[in-house]
Every structure is written in C-alpha cells, then in structure tokens.
PDB file of all heavy atoms in Angstrom:
ATOM      1  N   VAL A   1      13.347   6.179  14.908  1.00  0.00           N
ATOM      2  CA  VAL A   1      13.627   5.627  16.231  1.00  0.00           C
ATOM      3  C   VAL A   1      12.406   5.717  17.133  1.00  0.00           C
ATOM      4  O   VAL A   1      12.128   4.816  17.929  1.00  0.00           O
ATOM      5  CB  VAL A   1      14.836   6.353  16.855  1.00  0.00           C
ATOM      6  CG1 VAL A   1      15.157   5.769  18.232  1.00  0.00           C
ATOM      7  CG2 VAL A   1      16.047   6.265  15.942  1.00  0.00           C
ATOM      8  N   GLN A   2      11.635   6.802  17.028  1.00  0.00           N
ATOM      9  CA  GLN A   2      10.485   6.977  17.913  1.00  0.00           C
ATOM     10  C   GLN A   2       9.433   5.896  17.681  1.00  0.00           C
ATOM     11  O   GLN A   2       8.739   5.491  18.616  1.00  0.00           O
ATOM     12  CB  GLN A   2       9.844   8.359  17.689  1.00  0.00           C
ATOM     13  CG  GLN A   2      10.733   9.526  18.095  1.00  0.00           C
ATOM     14  CD  GLN A   2      11.746   9.872  17.015  1.00  0.00           C
ATOM     15  OE1 GLN A   2      11.810   9.212  15.971  1.00  0.00           O
ATOM     16  NE2 GLN A   2      12.541  10.901  17.250  1.00  0.00           N
ATOM     17  N   TRP A   3       9.298   5.431  16.444  1.00  0.00           N
ATOM     18  CA  TRP A   3       8.295   4.417  16.128  1.00  0.00           C
ATOM     19  C   TRP A   3       8.899   3.022  16.067  1.00  0.00           C
ATOM     20  O   TRP A   3       8.201   2.072  15.706  1.00  0.00           O
ATOM     21  CB  TRP A   3       7.628   4.729  14.787  1.00  0.00           C
ATOM     22  CG  TRP A   3       6.820   5.993  14.819  1.00  0.00           C
ATOM     23  CD1 TRP A   3       6.483   6.719  15.915  1.00  0.00           C
ATOM     24  CD2 TRP A   3       6.251   6.661  13.694  1.00  0.00           C
ATOM     25  NE1 TRP A   3       5.739   7.817  15.562  1.00  0.00           N
ATOM     26  CE2 TRP A   3       5.577   7.807  14.180  1.00  0.00           C
ATOM     27  CE3 TRP A   3       6.244   6.422  12.331  1.00  0.00           C
ATOM     28  CZ2 TRP A   3       4.913   8.687  13.358  1.00  0.00           C
ATOM     29  CZ3 TRP A   3       5.586   7.305  11.507  1.00  0.00           C
ATOM     30  CH2 TRP A   3       4.918   8.421  12.009  1.00  0.00           C
ATOM     31  N   HIS A   4      10.165   2.884  16.390  1.00  0.00           N
ATOM     32  CA  HIS A   4      10.868   1.601  16.363  1.00  0.00           C
ATOM     33  C   HIS A   4      10.799   0.975  14.964  1.00  0.00           C
ATOM     34  O   HIS A   4      10.527  -0.214  14.796  1.00  0.00           O
ATOM     35  CB  HIS A   4      10.285   0.634  17.404  1.00  0.00           C
ATOM     36  CG  HIS A   4      10.274   1.186  18.791  1.00  0.00           C
ATOM     37  ND1 HIS A   4      11.409   1.270  19.584  1.00  0.00           N
ATOM     38  CD2 HIS A   4       9.260   1.707  19.533  1.00  0.00           C
ATOM     39  CE1 HIS A   4      11.096   1.804  20.748  1.00  0.00           C
ATOM     40  NE2 HIS A   4       9.789   2.080  20.757  1.00  0.00           N
ATOM     41  N   VAL A   5      11.028   1.817  13.959  1.00  0.00           N
ATOM     42  CA  VAL A   5      10.974   1.377  12.571  1.00  0.00           C
ATOM     43  C   VAL A   5      12.391   1.361  12.023  1.00  0.00           C
ATOM     44  O   VAL A   5      13.130   2.339  12.144  1.00  0.00           O
ATOM     45  CB  VAL A   5      10.081   2.312  11.727  1.00  0.00           C
ATOM     46  CG1 VAL A   5      10.137   1.902  10.257  1.00  0.00           C
ATOM     47  CG2 VAL A   5       8.651   2.264  12.233  1.00  0.00           C
ATOM     48  N   ARG A   6      12.750   0.256  11.424  1.00  0.00           N
ATOM     49  CA  ARG A   6      14.058   0.119  10.804  1.00  0.00           C
ATOM     50  C   ARG A   6      13.930   0.148   9.287  1.00  0.00           C
ATOM     51  O   ARG A   6      12.880  -0.153   8.727  1.00  0.00           O
ATOM     52  CB  ARG A   6      14.720  -1.190  11.238  1.00  0.00           C
ATOM     53  CG  ARG A   6      15.050  -1.279  12.722  1.00  0.00           C
ATOM     54  CD  ARG A   6      15.569  -2.666  13.051  1.00  0.00           C
ATOM     55  NE  ARG A   6      14.547  -3.685  12.778  1.00  0.00           N
ATOM     56  CZ  ARG A   6      14.801  -4.984  12.767  1.00  0.00           C
ATOM     57  NH1 ARG A   6      16.032  -5.442  12.979  1.00  0.00           N
ATOM     58  NH2 ARG A   6      13.826  -5.843  12.527  1.00  0.00           N
ATOM     59  N   GLU A   7      15.010   0.498   8.656  1.00  0.00           N
ATOM     60  CA  GLU A   7      15.021   0.606   7.202  1.00  0.00           C
ATOM     61  C   GLU A   7      15.079  -0.782   6.555  1.00  0.00           C
ATOM     62  O   GLU A   7      15.821  -1.652   6.987  1.00  0.00           O
ATOM     63  CB  GLU A   7      16.216   1.436   6.751  1.00  0.00           C
ATOM     64  CG  GLU A   7      16.299   1.630   5.239  1.00  0.00           C
ATOM     65  CD  GLU A   7      17.517   2.424   4.835  1.00  0.00           C
ATOM     66  OE1 GLU A   7      18.282   2.836   5.746  1.00  0.00           O
ATOM     67  OE2 GLU A   7      17.709   2.627   3.613  1.00  0.00           O
ATOM     68  N   GLY A   8      14.255  -0.956   5.513  1.00  0.00           N
ATOM     69  CA  GLY A   8      14.284  -2.188   4.738  1.00  0.00           C
ATOM     70  C   GLY A   8      13.403  -3.305   5.231  1.00  0.00           C
ATOM     71  O   GLY A   8      13.476  -4.413   4.697  1.00  0.00           O
ATOM     72  N   ILE A   9      12.530  -3.072   6.203  1.00  0.00           N
ATOM     73  CA  ILE A   9      11.643  -4.130   6.691  1.00  0.00           C
ATOM     74  C   ILE A   9      10.312  -4.063   5.935  1.00  0.00           C
ATOM     75  O   ILE A   9       9.902  -3.009   5.443  1.00  0.00           O
ATOM     76  CB  ILE A   9      11.395  -3.994   8.209  1.00  0.00           C
ATOM     77  CG1 ILE A   9      10.687  -2.671   8.518  1.00  0.00           C
ATOM     78  CG2 ILE A   9      12.696  -4.104   8.979  1.00  0.00           C
ATOM     79  CD1 ILE A   9      10.264  -2.531   9.957  1.00  0.00           C
ATOM     80  N   LYS A  10       9.635  -5.189   5.843  1.00  0.00           N
ATOM     81  CA  LYS A  10       8.331  -5.249   5.191  1.00  0.00           C
ATOM     82  C   LYS A  10       7.264  -4.749   6.160  1.00  0.00           C
ATOM     83  O   LYS A  10       6.993  -5.391   7.172  1.00  0.00           O
ATOM     84  CB  LYS A  10       8.026  -6.676   4.745  1.00  0.00           C
ATOM     85  CG  LYS A  10       9.015  -7.223   3.725  1.00  0.00           C
ATOM     86  CD  LYS A  10       8.679  -8.653   3.355  1.00  0.00           C
ATOM     87  CE  LYS A  10       9.693  -9.198   2.355  1.00  0.00           C
ATOM     88  NZ  LYS A  10       9.408 -10.609   1.987  1.00  0.00           N
ATOM     89  N   ALA A  11       6.711  -3.610   5.827  1.00  0.00           N
ATOM     90  CA  ALA A  11       5.762  -2.983   6.755  1.00  0.00           C
ATOM     91  C   ALA A  11       4.531  -2.439   6.048  1.00  0.00           C
ATOM     92  O   ALA A  11       3.915  -1.492   6.530  1.00  0.00           O
ATOM     93  CB  ALA A  11       6.441  -1.853   7.527  1.00  0.00           C
ATOM     94  N   GLY A  12       4.159  -3.004   4.931  1.00  0.00           N
ATOM     95  CA  GLY A  12       2.974  -2.508   4.243  1.00  0.00           C
ATOM     96  C   GLY A  12       2.734  -3.264   2.955  1.00  0.00           C
ATOM     97  O   GLY A  12       3.478  -4.168   2.580  1.00  0.00           O
ATOM     98  N   CYS A  13       1.676  -2.872   2.273  1.00  0.00           N
ATOM     99  CA  CYS A  13       1.330  -3.470   0.993  1.00  0.00           C
ATOM    100  C   CYS A  13       0.543  -2.455   0.183  1.00  0.00           C
ATOM    101  O   CYS A  13      -0.046  -1.513   0.738  1.00  0.00           O
ATOM    102  CB  CYS A  13       0.531  -4.763   1.166  1.00  0.00           C
ATOM    103  SG  CYS A  13      -0.983  -4.561   2.134  1.00  0.00           S
ATOM    104  N   LYS A  14       0.536  -2.645  -1.115  1.00  0.00           N
ATOM    105  CA  LYS A  14      -0.186  -1.744  -2.010  1.00  0.00           C
ATOM    106  C   LYS A  14      -0.604  -2.504  -3.257  1.00  0.00           C
ATOM    107  O   LYS A  14      -0.048  -3.554  -3.592  1.00  0.00           O
ATOM    108  CB  LYS A  14       0.673  -0.543  -2.409  1.00  0.00           C
ATOM    109  CG  LYS A  14       1.860  -0.892  -3.273  1.00  0.00           C
ATOM    110  CD  LYS A  14       2.603   0.347  -3.726  1.00  0.00           C
ATOM    111  CE  LYS A  14       3.768  -0.013  -4.653  1.00  0.00           C
ATOM    112  NZ  LYS A  14       4.495   1.184  -5.126  1.00  0.00           N
ATOM    113  N   THR A  15      -1.572  -1.952  -3.944  1.00  0.00           N
ATOM    114  CA  THR A  15      -2.052  -2.521  -5.191  1.00  0.00           C
ATOM    115  C   THR A  15      -2.678  -1.415  -6.024  1.00  0.00           C
ATOM    116  O   THR A  15      -3.104  -0.385  -5.481  1.00  0.00           O
ATOM    117  CB  THR A  15      -3.075  -3.643  -4.947  1.00  0.00           C
ATOM    118  OG1 THR A  15      -3.445  -4.219  -6.192  1.00  0.00           O
ATOM    119  CG2 THR A  15      -4.318  -3.102  -4.270  1.00  0.00           C
ATOM    120  N   THR A  16      -2.721  -1.629  -7.335  1.00  0.00           N
ATOM    121  CA  THR A  16      -3.258  -0.651  -8.277  1.00  0.00           C
ATOM    122  C   THR A  16      -4.296  -1.343  -9.140  1.00  0.00           C
ATOM    123  O   THR A  16      -4.055  -2.428  -9.679  1.00  0.00           O
ATOM    124  CB  THR A  16      -2.145  -0.062  -9.157  1.00  0.00           C
ATOM    125  OG1 THR A  16      -1.163   0.552  -8.327  1.00  0.00           O
ATOM    126  CG2 THR A  16      -2.709   0.984 -10.101  1.00  0.00           C
ATOM    127  N   ILE A  17      -5.451  -0.706  -9.275  1.00  0.00           N
ATOM    128  CA  ILE A  17      -6.536  -1.228 -10.105  1.00  0.00           C
ATOM    129  C   ILE A  17      -6.826  -0.217 -11.205  1.00  0.00           C
ATOM    130  O   ILE A  17      -6.734   1.000 -10.996  1.00  0.00           O
ATOM    131  CB  ILE A  17      -7.801  -1.512  -9.272  1.00  0.00           C
ATOM    132  CG1 ILE A  17      -8.199  -0.292  -8.438  1.00  0.00           C
ATOM    133  CG2 ILE A  17      -7.585  -2.708  -8.376  1.00  0.00           C
ATOM    134  CD1 ILE A  17      -9.452  -0.503  -7.616  1.00  0.00           C
ATOM    135  N   ARG A  18      -7.165  -0.732 -12.355  1.00  0.00           N
ATOM    136  CA  ARG A  18      -7.420   0.115 -13.523  1.00  0.00           C
ATOM    137  C   ARG A  18      -8.697  -0.338 -14.216  1.00  0.00           C
ATOM    138  O   ARG A  18      -9.230  -1.401 -13.930  1.00  0.00           O
ATOM    139  CB  ARG A  18      -6.243   0.039 -14.516  1.00  0.00           C
ATOM    140  CG  ARG A  18      -4.913   0.467 -13.928  1.00  0.00           C
ATOM    141  CD  ARG A  18      -3.783   0.246 -14.922  1.00  0.00           C
ATOM    142  NE  ARG A  18      -2.490   0.677 -14.391  1.00  0.00           N
ATOM    143  CZ  ARG A  18      -1.705  -0.070 -13.628  1.00  0.00           C
ATOM    144  NH1 ARG A  18      -2.074  -1.310 -13.308  1.00  0.00           N
ATOM    145  NH2 ARG A  18      -0.549   0.397 -13.197  1.00  0.00           N
ATOM    146  N   GLY A  19      -9.154   0.510 -15.133  1.00  0.00           N
ATOM    147  CA  GLY A  19     -10.298   0.137 -15.961  1.00  0.00           C
ATOM    148  C   GLY A  19     -11.595   0.054 -15.173  1.00  0.00           C
ATOM    149  O   GLY A  19     -11.895   0.904 -14.316  1.00  0.00           O
ATOM    150  N   ASN A  20     -12.367  -0.994 -15.465  1.00  0.00           N
ATOM    151  CA  ASN A  20     -13.669  -1.150 -14.813  1.00  0.00           C
ATOM    152  C   ASN A  20     -13.545  -1.354 -13.311  1.00  0.00           C
ATOM    153  O   ASN A  20     -14.417  -0.929 -12.545  1.00  0.00           O
ATOM    154  CB  ASN A  20     -14.413  -2.334 -15.427  1.00  0.00           C
ATOM    155  CG  ASN A  20     -14.796  -2.081 -16.874  1.00  0.00           C
ATOM    156  OD1 ASN A  20     -14.766  -0.943 -17.341  1.00  0.00           O
ATOM    157  ND2 ASN A  20     -15.157  -3.138 -17.585  1.00  0.00           N
ATOM    158  N   ALA A  21     -12.460  -1.996 -12.866  1.00  0.00           N
ATOM    159  CA  ALA A  21     -12.289  -2.217 -11.427  1.00  0.00           C
ATOM    160  C   ALA A  21     -12.140  -0.899 -10.686  1.00  0.00           C
ATOM    161  O   ALA A  21     -12.620  -0.760  -9.551  1.00  0.00           O
ATOM    162  CB  ALA A  21     -11.076  -3.114 -11.174  1.00  0.00           C
ATOM    163  N   ALA A  22     -11.480   0.090 -11.299  1.00  0.00           N
ATOM    164  CA  ALA A  22     -11.325   1.394 -10.648  1.00  0.00           C
ATOM    165  C   ALA A  22     -12.668   2.100 -10.516  1.00  0.00           C
ATOM    166  O   ALA A  22     -12.971   2.690  -9.466  1.00  0.00           O
ATOM    167  CB  ALA A  22     -10.342   2.251 -11.438  1.00  0.00           C
ATOM    168  N   TYR A  23     -13.495   2.037 -11.536  1.00  0.00           N
ATOM    169  CA  TYR A  23     -14.820   2.670 -11.458  1.00  0.00           C
ATOM    170  C   TYR A  23     -15.706   1.948 -10.439  1.00  0.00           C
ATOM    171  O   TYR A  23     -16.482   2.592  -9.720  1.00  0.00           O
ATOM    172  CB  TYR A  23     -15.480   2.669 -12.835  1.00  0.00           C
ATOM    173  CG  TYR A  23     -14.943   3.724 -13.769  1.00  0.00           C
ATOM    174  CD1 TYR A  23     -13.915   3.437 -14.648  1.00  0.00           C
ATOM    175  CD2 TYR A  23     -15.463   5.011 -13.775  1.00  0.00           C
ATOM    176  CE1 TYR A  23     -13.419   4.397 -15.517  1.00  0.00           C
ATOM    177  CE2 TYR A  23     -14.978   5.984 -14.628  1.00  0.00           C
ATOM    178  CZ  TYR A  23     -13.956   5.665 -15.501  1.00  0.00           C
ATOM    179  OH  TYR A  23     -13.459   6.628 -16.352  1.00  0.00           O
ATOM    180  N   GLU A  24     -15.622   0.632 -10.376  1.00  0.00           N
ATOM    181  CA  GLU A  24     -16.439  -0.097  -9.406  1.00  0.00           C
ATOM    182  C   GLU A  24     -16.008   0.212  -7.973  1.00  0.00           C
ATOM    183  O   GLU A  24     -16.856   0.321  -7.076  1.00  0.00           O
ATOM    184  CB  GLU A  24     -16.338  -1.593  -9.687  1.00  0.00           C
ATOM    185  CG  GLU A  24     -17.021  -2.015 -10.978  1.00  0.00           C
ATOM    186  CD  GLU A  24     -16.812  -3.485 -11.275  1.00  0.00           C
ATOM    187  OE1 GLU A  24     -16.021  -4.114 -10.536  1.00  0.00           O
ATOM    188  OE2 GLU A  24     -17.435  -3.995 -12.229  1.00  0.00           O
ATOM    189  N   PHE A  25     -14.706   0.352  -7.740  1.00  0.00           N
ATOM    190  CA  PHE A  25     -14.252   0.700  -6.392  1.00  0.00           C
ATOM    191  C   PHE A  25     -14.735   2.090  -6.011  1.00  0.00           C
ATOM    192  O   PHE A  25     -15.204   2.314  -4.877  1.00  0.00           O
ATOM    193  CB  PHE A  25     -12.726   0.634  -6.322  1.00  0.00           C
ATOM    194  CG  PHE A  25     -12.147   1.138  -5.032  1.00  0.00           C
ATOM    195  CD1 PHE A  25     -12.155   0.344  -3.888  1.00  0.00           C
ATOM    196  CD2 PHE A  25     -11.610   2.416  -4.942  1.00  0.00           C
ATOM    197  CE1 PHE A  25     -11.634   0.815  -2.697  1.00  0.00           C
ATOM    198  CE2 PHE A  25     -11.085   2.888  -3.755  1.00  0.00           C
ATOM    199  CZ  PHE A  25     -11.106   2.079  -2.631  1.00  0.00           C
ATOM    200  N   LEU A  26     -14.638   3.042  -6.912  1.00  0.00           N
ATOM    201  CA  LEU A  26     -15.107   4.396  -6.612  1.00  0.00           C
ATOM    202  C   LEU A  26     -16.616   4.412  -6.409  1.00  0.00           C
ATOM    203  O   LEU A  26     -17.126   5.173  -5.564  1.00  0.00           O
ATOM    204  CB  LEU A  26     -14.707   5.335  -7.752  1.00  0.00           C
ATOM    205  CG  LEU A  26     -14.898   6.835  -7.509  1.00  0.00           C
ATOM    206  CD1 LEU A  26     -14.080   7.292  -6.309  1.00  0.00           C
ATOM    207  CD2 LEU A  26     -14.521   7.630  -8.745  1.00  0.00           C
TER     208      LEU A  26
END
C-alpha cells in the first residue's frame, strides 16, 4: 500500500544469459 503496488501487475523484466554471453557481460 505504501508504494501503491497491486498484486499481479507488470512491473519489471528479467533475462538470463549463458555461455559466452555471460563471460562477455562480466
């Protein structure tokens, strides 16, 4: 309630990288 956040709304994004892409990001 303090942040005016309701359950079940789209409020973010994520992704996972593996292999060579993970080493290049690091």
